[in-house]
Amino acid sequence: MASPLELLEQRGLKYEELNAAERETLNGWYKALSEKTLSVGDIQDNTRRLIEAVENQLADLKESTSFWSWLFNRKKDIYLKARLKNYLMLYDFLTGPEKARKHIEQSINNIKPK
């Protein structure tokens, strides 16, 4: 099995380009893959952590005091929101069957005569 660094290099990425949450997730996924079979629950947990990390980064953006900081923060804000949207879509995809099952159970409970 290729190491995390080799996997990144195959895709033209560098480990240094990843933020702390992405590094932690990559290492966690690699560890899970090397030790056991990766489960949907593991991916859901890691995706949830990535969502929380991006939410924290968005919350930490400061108000701009100059044109250059506004320009930099605007670009960073757009990128963070795009990443957050991607993580949320992935999380919704992973939890979709579970949500659908709960919705069906709720509907069945509403149909039962009392």
N, C-alpha and C. Protein backbone atom coordinates (compact mmCIF):
# COMPACT_ATOMS: atom_id res chain seq x y z
N MET A 1 0.84 -1.17 0.00
CA MET A 1 0.00 0.00 0.00
C MET A 1 0.89 1.23 0.00
N ALA A 2 0.53 2.21 -0.80
CA ALA A 2 1.30 3.45 -0.91
C ALA A 2 1.13 4.28 0.36
N SER A 3 2.15 5.04 0.70
CA SER A 3 2.08 5.91 1.87
C SER A 3 1.23 7.14 1.54
N PRO A 4 0.81 7.89 2.56
CA PRO A 4 0.02 9.09 2.28
C PRO A 4 0.76 10.08 1.39
N LEU A 5 2.08 10.20 1.59
CA LEU A 5 2.86 11.11 0.76
C LEU A 5 2.86 10.68 -0.70
N GLU A 6 2.99 9.38 -0.94
CA GLU A 6 2.96 8.87 -2.31
C GLU A 6 1.60 9.08 -2.95
N LEU A 7 0.53 8.89 -2.17
CA LEU A 7 -0.81 9.11 -2.68
C LEU A 7 -1.02 10.56 -3.10
N LEU A 8 -0.51 11.48 -2.29
CA LEU A 8 -0.63 12.90 -2.63
C LEU A 8 0.18 13.24 -3.87
N GLU A 9 1.42 12.74 -3.93
CA GLU A 9 2.30 13.02 -5.07
C GLU A 9 1.71 12.51 -6.37
N GLN A 10 1.02 11.38 -6.32
CA GLN A 10 0.38 10.83 -7.52
C GLN A 10 -0.69 11.79 -8.06
N ARG A 11 -1.23 12.61 -7.19
CA ARG A 11 -2.27 13.55 -7.59
C ARG A 11 -1.74 14.98 -7.70
N GLY A 12 -0.44 15.14 -7.66
CA GLY A 12 0.17 16.46 -7.82
C GLY A 12 0.03 17.36 -6.61
N LEU A 13 -0.15 16.76 -5.43
CA LEU A 13 -0.30 17.54 -4.20
C LEU A 13 0.88 17.33 -3.29
N LYS A 14 1.07 18.28 -2.37
CA LYS A 14 2.14 18.16 -1.38
C LYS A 14 1.53 18.19 0.01
N TYR A 15 2.12 17.44 0.90
CA TYR A 15 1.64 17.34 2.27
C TYR A 15 1.61 18.72 2.93
N GLU A 16 2.57 19.56 2.61
CA GLU A 16 2.67 20.90 3.20
C GLU A 16 1.51 21.79 2.78
N GLU A 17 0.85 21.48 1.65
CA GLU A 17 -0.27 22.29 1.18
C GLU A 17 -1.55 22.03 1.96
N LEU A 18 -1.59 20.93 2.71
CA LEU A 18 -2.79 20.58 3.47
C LEU A 18 -2.82 21.35 4.79
N ASN A 19 -4.02 21.70 5.23
CA ASN A 19 -4.12 22.34 6.55
C ASN A 19 -4.10 21.25 7.61
N ALA A 20 -4.12 21.65 8.86
CA ALA A 20 -3.97 20.69 9.96
C ALA A 20 -5.09 19.65 9.96
N ALA A 21 -6.32 20.08 9.72
CA ALA A 21 -7.45 19.14 9.73
C ALA A 21 -7.33 18.14 8.58
N GLU A 22 -6.91 18.61 7.41
CA GLU A 22 -6.76 17.71 6.26
C GLU A 22 -5.63 16.72 6.49
N ARG A 23 -4.55 17.19 7.12
CA ARG A 23 -3.45 16.28 7.44
C ARG A 23 -3.90 15.20 8.42
N GLU A 24 -4.63 15.63 9.44
CA GLU A 24 -5.12 14.69 10.44
C GLU A 24 -6.06 13.67 9.80
N THR A 25 -6.92 14.14 8.92
CA THR A 25 -7.86 13.25 8.24
C THR A 25 -7.12 12.27 7.34
N LEU A 26 -6.17 12.77 6.57
CA LEU A 26 -5.39 11.90 5.69
C LEU A 26 -4.67 10.83 6.50
N ASN A 27 -4.05 11.24 7.59
CA ASN A 27 -3.34 10.27 8.44
C ASN A 27 -4.31 9.28 9.07
N GLY A 28 -5.47 9.77 9.50
CA GLY A 28 -6.48 8.89 10.08
C GLY A 28 -6.99 7.88 9.07
N TRP A 29 -7.25 8.34 7.84
CA TRP A 29 -7.73 7.43 6.80
C TRP A 29 -6.65 6.40 6.45
N TYR A 30 -5.41 6.86 6.36
CA TYR A 30 -4.33 5.93 6.02
C TYR A 30 -4.17 4.88 7.13
N LYS A 31 -4.25 5.34 8.38
CA LYS A 31 -4.14 4.41 9.51
C LYS A 31 -5.29 3.41 9.48
N ALA A 32 -6.50 3.90 9.22
CA ALA A 32 -7.67 3.01 9.17
C ALA A 32 -7.53 2.02 8.02
N LEU A 33 -7.01 2.47 6.89
CA LEU A 33 -6.84 1.57 5.76
C LEU A 33 -5.78 0.51 6.02
N SER A 34 -4.73 0.89 6.72
CA SER A 34 -3.66 -0.07 6.96
C SER A 34 -4.02 -1.06 8.07
N GLU A 35 -4.90 -0.67 8.98
CA GLU A 35 -5.24 -1.54 10.09
C GLU A 35 -6.48 -2.38 9.86
N LYS A 36 -7.45 -1.82 9.16
CA LYS A 36 -8.72 -2.51 9.00
C LYS A 36 -9.42 -1.98 7.76
N THR A 37 -10.57 -2.51 7.52
CA THR A 37 -11.38 -2.03 6.42
C THR A 37 -12.02 -0.71 6.82
N LEU A 38 -11.97 0.25 5.93
CA LEU A 38 -12.55 1.55 6.17
C LEU A 38 -14.06 1.45 6.09
N SER A 39 -14.74 1.95 7.10
CA SER A 39 -16.21 1.87 7.12
C SER A 39 -16.82 3.22 6.79
N VAL A 40 -18.08 3.21 6.45
CA VAL A 40 -18.80 4.45 6.17
C VAL A 40 -18.82 5.31 7.42
N GLY A 41 -18.93 4.68 8.58
CA GLY A 41 -18.91 5.43 9.84
C GLY A 41 -17.61 6.18 10.05
N ASP A 42 -16.49 5.55 9.69
CA ASP A 42 -15.19 6.23 9.80
C ASP A 42 -15.15 7.46 8.90
N ILE A 43 -15.64 7.30 7.69
CA ILE A 43 -15.65 8.41 6.73
C ILE A 43 -16.59 9.51 7.22
N GLN A 44 -17.74 9.13 7.76
CA GLN A 44 -18.67 10.12 8.30
C GLN A 44 -18.02 10.91 9.44
N ASP A 45 -17.35 10.22 10.33
CA ASP A 45 -16.69 10.89 11.46
C ASP A 45 -15.62 11.86 10.99
N ASN A 46 -14.79 11.42 10.05
CA ASN A 46 -13.73 12.28 9.54
C ASN A 46 -14.30 13.46 8.76
N THR A 47 -15.35 13.22 7.99
CA THR A 47 -15.97 14.31 7.24
C THR A 47 -16.59 15.32 8.20
N ARG A 48 -17.20 14.84 9.27
CA ARG A 48 -17.77 15.75 10.28
C ARG A 48 -16.67 16.62 10.89
N ARG A 49 -15.51 16.03 11.16
CA ARG A 49 -14.39 16.81 11.71
C ARG A 49 -13.90 17.86 10.72
N LEU A 50 -13.86 17.50 9.44
CA LEU A 50 -13.46 18.47 8.41
C LEU A 50 -14.46 19.63 8.33
N ILE A 51 -15.74 19.31 8.43
CA ILE A 51 -16.77 20.36 8.41
C ILE A 51 -16.57 21.31 9.59
N GLU A 52 -16.34 20.76 10.76
CA GLU A 52 -16.15 21.58 11.95
C GLU A 52 -14.89 22.45 11.82
N ALA A 53 -13.83 21.90 11.23
CA ALA A 53 -12.60 22.67 11.06
C ALA A 53 -12.82 23.85 10.12
N VAL A 54 -13.54 23.64 9.03
CA VAL A 54 -13.80 24.73 8.09
C VAL A 54 -14.73 25.77 8.75
N GLU A 55 -15.72 25.30 9.51
CA GLU A 55 -16.60 26.23 10.21
C GLU A 55 -15.81 27.10 11.18
N ASN A 56 -14.85 26.51 11.87
CA ASN A 56 -14.00 27.28 12.78
C ASN A 56 -13.15 28.29 12.03
N GLN A 57 -12.62 27.90 10.88
CA GLN A 57 -11.82 28.83 10.09
C GLN A 57 -12.68 29.99 9.59
N LEU A 58 -13.90 29.71 9.18
CA LEU A 58 -14.81 30.78 8.75
C LEU A 58 -15.14 31.72 9.90
N ALA A 59 -15.34 31.17 11.07
CA ALA A 59 -15.66 32.00 12.24
C ALA A 59 -14.49 32.87 12.65
N ASP A 60 -13.27 32.44 12.36
CA ASP A 60 -12.08 33.19 12.75
C ASP A 60 -11.69 34.29 11.76
N LEU A 61 -12.37 34.36 10.61
CA LEU A 61 -12.05 35.43 9.65
C LEU A 61 -12.36 36.78 10.27
N LYS A 62 -11.39 37.68 10.20
CA LYS A 62 -11.55 38.99 10.81
C LYS A 62 -12.07 39.99 9.77
N GLU A 63 -12.69 41.05 10.28
CA GLU A 63 -13.19 42.10 9.41
C GLU A 63 -12.01 42.83 8.78
N SER A 64 -12.14 43.18 7.53
CA SER A 64 -11.04 43.83 6.80
C SER A 64 -10.88 45.28 7.22
N THR A 65 -9.60 45.69 7.32
CA THR A 65 -9.30 47.07 7.67
C THR A 65 -8.66 47.83 6.52
N SER A 66 -8.29 47.11 5.47
CA SER A 66 -7.71 47.75 4.29
C SER A 66 -8.19 47.01 3.05
N PHE A 67 -7.93 47.62 1.91
CA PHE A 67 -8.34 47.00 0.65
C PHE A 67 -7.68 45.64 0.47
N TRP A 68 -6.38 45.55 0.79
CA TRP A 68 -5.66 44.29 0.57
C TRP A 68 -6.15 43.19 1.51
N SER A 69 -6.40 43.56 2.75
CA SER A 69 -6.92 42.53 3.65
C SER A 69 -8.34 42.13 3.24
N TRP A 70 -9.13 43.08 2.75
CA TRP A 70 -10.47 42.75 2.25
C TRP A 70 -10.37 41.78 1.08
N LEU A 71 -9.46 42.08 0.16
CA LEU A 71 -9.29 41.24 -1.02
C LEU A 71 -8.83 39.84 -0.62
N PHE A 72 -7.87 39.75 0.28
CA PHE A 72 -7.38 38.45 0.74
C PHE A 72 -8.47 37.69 1.49
N ASN A 73 -9.15 38.38 2.42
CA ASN A 73 -10.19 37.71 3.20
C ASN A 73 -11.37 37.29 2.35
N ARG A 74 -11.70 38.08 1.33
CA ARG A 74 -12.80 37.72 0.43
C ARG A 74 -12.48 36.43 -0.30
N LYS A 75 -11.26 36.34 -0.81
CA LYS A 75 -10.84 35.12 -1.53
C LYS A 75 -10.84 33.92 -0.58
N LYS A 76 -10.30 34.12 0.61
CA LYS A 76 -10.25 33.04 1.60
C LYS A 76 -11.67 32.63 1.99
N ASP A 77 -12.56 33.61 2.16
CA ASP A 77 -13.96 33.34 2.51
C ASP A 77 -14.63 32.49 1.42
N ILE A 78 -14.41 32.84 0.18
CA ILE A 78 -15.00 32.09 -0.95
C ILE A 78 -14.47 30.66 -0.96
N TYR A 79 -13.17 30.48 -0.80
CA TYR A 79 -12.59 29.13 -0.81
C TYR A 79 -13.09 28.29 0.36
N LEU A 80 -13.16 28.91 1.54
CA LEU A 80 -13.65 28.17 2.71
C LEU A 80 -15.10 27.76 2.54
N LYS A 81 -15.92 28.65 2.01
CA LYS A 81 -17.33 28.31 1.78
C LYS A 81 -17.48 27.22 0.74
N ALA A 82 -16.64 27.24 -0.29
CA ALA A 82 -16.69 26.18 -1.31
C ALA A 82 -16.29 24.84 -0.69
N ARG A 83 -15.23 24.83 0.12
CA ARG A 83 -14.83 23.59 0.80
C ARG A 83 -15.92 23.09 1.72
N LEU A 84 -16.53 24.01 2.47
CA LEU A 84 -17.59 23.63 3.39
C LEU A 84 -18.76 23.02 2.62
N LYS A 85 -19.13 23.63 1.51
CA LYS A 85 -20.23 23.09 0.71
C LYS A 85 -19.91 21.69 0.21
N ASN A 86 -18.69 21.47 -0.24
CA ASN A 86 -18.29 20.14 -0.71
C ASN A 86 -18.34 19.11 0.42
N TYR A 87 -17.83 19.49 1.60
CA TYR A 87 -17.87 18.57 2.74
C TYR A 87 -19.31 18.27 3.16
N LEU A 88 -20.16 19.30 3.15
CA LEU A 88 -21.56 19.09 3.52
C LEU A 88 -22.27 18.17 2.53
N MET A 89 -21.98 18.34 1.24
CA MET A 89 -22.59 17.46 0.23
C MET A 89 -22.11 16.03 0.43
N LEU A 90 -20.81 15.84 0.70
CA LEU A 90 -20.28 14.51 0.95
C LEU A 90 -20.93 13.90 2.19
N TYR A 91 -21.05 14.68 3.24
CA TYR A 91 -21.67 14.19 4.48
C TYR A 91 -23.13 13.82 4.24
N ASP A 92 -23.85 14.66 3.50
CA ASP A 92 -25.25 14.33 3.17
C ASP A 92 -25.34 13.05 2.36
N PHE A 93 -24.42 12.87 1.45
CA PHE A 93 -24.40 11.65 0.64
C PHE A 93 -24.17 10.42 1.53
N LEU A 94 -23.24 10.55 2.48
CA LEU A 94 -22.92 9.43 3.37
C LEU A 94 -24.04 9.13 4.36
N THR A 95 -24.74 10.15 4.79
CA THR A 95 -25.79 9.94 5.78
C THR A 95 -27.17 9.83 5.16
N GLY A 96 -27.26 9.95 3.85
CA GLY A 96 -28.55 9.89 3.15
C GLY A 96 -29.37 8.65 3.46
N PRO A 97 -28.78 7.46 3.31
CA PRO A 97 -29.57 6.25 3.60
C PRO A 97 -30.08 6.20 5.04
N GLU A 98 -29.28 6.66 5.97
CA GLU A 98 -29.69 6.68 7.37
C GLU A 98 -30.84 7.66 7.58
N LYS A 99 -30.72 8.84 6.96
CA LYS A 99 -31.79 9.83 7.07
C LYS A 99 -33.06 9.32 6.41
N ALA A 100 -32.91 8.67 5.27
CA ALA A 100 -34.08 8.13 4.57
C ALA A 100 -34.77 7.07 5.44
N ARG A 101 -33.98 6.20 6.07
CA ARG A 101 -34.54 5.16 6.93
C ARG A 101 -35.31 5.78 8.09
N LYS A 102 -34.74 6.82 8.72
CA LYS A 102 -35.41 7.48 9.83
C LYS A 102 -36.71 8.14 9.36
N HIS A 103 -36.69 8.73 8.18
CA HIS A 103 -37.88 9.37 7.64
C HIS A 103 -38.97 8.34 7.39
N ILE A 104 -38.59 7.20 6.82
CA ILE A 104 -39.56 6.13 6.56
C ILE A 104 -40.14 5.61 7.87
N GLU A 105 -39.29 5.40 8.88
CA GLU A 105 -39.77 4.93 10.18
C GLU A 105 -40.73 5.95 10.79
N GLN A 106 -40.40 7.23 10.67
CA GLN A 106 -41.27 8.28 11.20
C GLN A 106 -42.62 8.27 10.48
N SER A 107 -42.58 8.09 9.16
CA SER A 107 -43.83 8.04 8.38
C SER A 107 -44.68 6.85 8.78
N ILE A 108 -44.05 5.71 8.98
CA ILE A 108 -44.77 4.50 9.40
C ILE A 108 -45.39 4.71 10.79
N ASN A 109 -44.65 5.33 11.68
CA ASN A 109 -45.18 5.60 13.02
C ASN A 109 -46.37 6.54 12.96
N ASN A 110 -46.37 7.46 12.01
CA ASN A 110 -47.49 8.39 11.87
C ASN A 110 -48.73 7.72 11.30
N ILE A 111 -48.55 6.63 10.57
CA ILE A 111 -49.67 5.92 9.94
C ILE A 111 -50.39 5.02 10.93
N LYS A 112 -49.68 4.49 11.89
CA LYS A 112 -50.27 3.54 12.86
C LYS A 112 -51.49 4.15 13.54
N PRO A 113 -52.58 3.38 13.61
CA PRO A 113 -53.73 3.90 14.36
C PRO A 113 -53.42 3.86 15.86
N LYS A 114 -53.98 4.82 16.52
CA LYS A 114 -53.70 4.91 17.96
C LYS A 114 -54.84 4.42 18.77
